Amino acid sequence: MSDRTERISTALSAAVSRDPRASEKFAVLPRSHREVYVDWIESAKKPETRDKRIAEALEMIAGGRRRG
């Protein structure tokens, strides 16, 4: 795992841990589904886009929707 991927994974995990609904649902997602979120967020070229995708991911996770 690259440093960038690790930072994004950490940023997503931190955001998820602040939302009880998302945290509960994220914990039961298969690793492959969690990686889809990280890959999507990592593909953002701008920090603003990355932050927007993290926010969108939280909504999707909390709502029980999977990406991809």
Protein backbone atom coordinates (compact mmCIF):
# COMPACT_ATOMS: atom_id res chain seq x y z
CA MET A 1 0.00 0.00 0.00
CA SER A 2 1.42 3.39 -0.96
CA ASP A 3 1.72 6.23 1.53
CA ARG A 4 -0.99 8.10 -0.37
CA THR A 5 -3.37 5.15 -0.25
CA GLU A 6 -2.66 4.70 3.44
CA ARG A 7 -3.41 8.40 4.13
CA ILE A 8 -6.67 8.22 2.18
CA SER A 9 -7.66 5.01 3.89
CA THR A 10 -6.88 6.67 7.23
CA ALA A 11 -8.88 9.79 6.27
CA LEU A 12 -11.86 7.66 5.24
CA SER A 13 -11.63 5.54 8.38
CA ALA A 14 -11.47 8.66 10.56
CA ALA A 15 -14.51 10.14 8.83
CA VAL A 16 -16.42 6.87 9.15
CA SER A 17 -15.58 6.59 12.85
CA ARG A 18 -17.23 9.97 13.49
CA ASP A 19 -20.54 8.73 12.06
CA PRO A 20 -22.08 5.89 14.11
CA ARG A 21 -24.35 4.67 11.27
CA ALA A 22 -21.54 4.66 8.74
CA SER A 23 -19.15 3.05 11.22
CA GLU A 24 -21.52 0.17 11.85
CA LYS A 25 -22.13 -0.47 8.16
CA PHE A 26 -18.48 0.03 7.11
CA ALA A 27 -17.34 -2.54 9.66
CA VAL A 28 -19.33 -5.31 7.99
CA LEU A 29 -18.37 -4.47 4.40
CA PRO A 30 -16.09 -7.00 2.77
CA ARG A 31 -12.51 -5.78 2.36
CA SER A 32 -12.92 -5.64 -1.41
CA HIS A 33 -15.83 -3.18 -1.06
CA ARG A 34 -13.84 -0.99 1.33
CA GLU A 35 -11.00 -0.99 -1.20
CA VAL A 36 -13.39 0.20 -3.94
CA TYR A 37 -14.11 3.29 -1.84
CA VAL A 38 -10.40 3.90 -1.21
CA ASP A 39 -9.55 3.49 -4.91
CA TRP A 40 -12.32 5.89 -5.91
CA ILE A 41 -11.19 8.50 -3.41
CA GLU A 42 -7.53 7.98 -4.32
CA SER A 43 -8.25 8.62 -7.99
CA ALA A 44 -9.19 12.24 -7.22
CA LYS A 45 -6.57 14.65 -8.51
CA LYS A 46 -7.47 17.59 -6.27
CA PRO A 47 -7.74 17.60 -2.46
CA GLU A 48 -11.16 19.27 -2.79
CA THR A 49 -12.41 16.39 -4.91
CA ARG A 50 -10.99 13.88 -2.46
CA ASP A 51 -12.79 15.58 0.43
CA LYS A 52 -16.03 15.68 -1.58
CA ARG A 53 -15.73 11.97 -2.34
CA ILE A 54 -15.11 11.15 1.31
CA ALA A 55 -18.31 13.02 2.19
CA GLU A 56 -20.21 11.18 -0.56
CA ALA A 57 -18.78 7.86 0.59
CA LEU A 58 -20.01 8.53 4.13
CA GLU A 59 -23.53 9.15 2.86
CA MET A 60 -23.45 6.02 0.73
CA ILE A 61 -22.06 3.85 3.52
CA ALA A 62 -24.48 5.21 6.13
CA GLY A 63 -27.34 4.62 3.70
CA GLY A 64 -26.29 1.03 3.11
CA ARG A 65 -25.38 1.63 -0.53
CA ARG A 66 -22.24 0.13 -2.03
CA ARG A 67 -20.03 1.71 -4.61
CA GLY A 68 -19.36 -0.26 -7.75
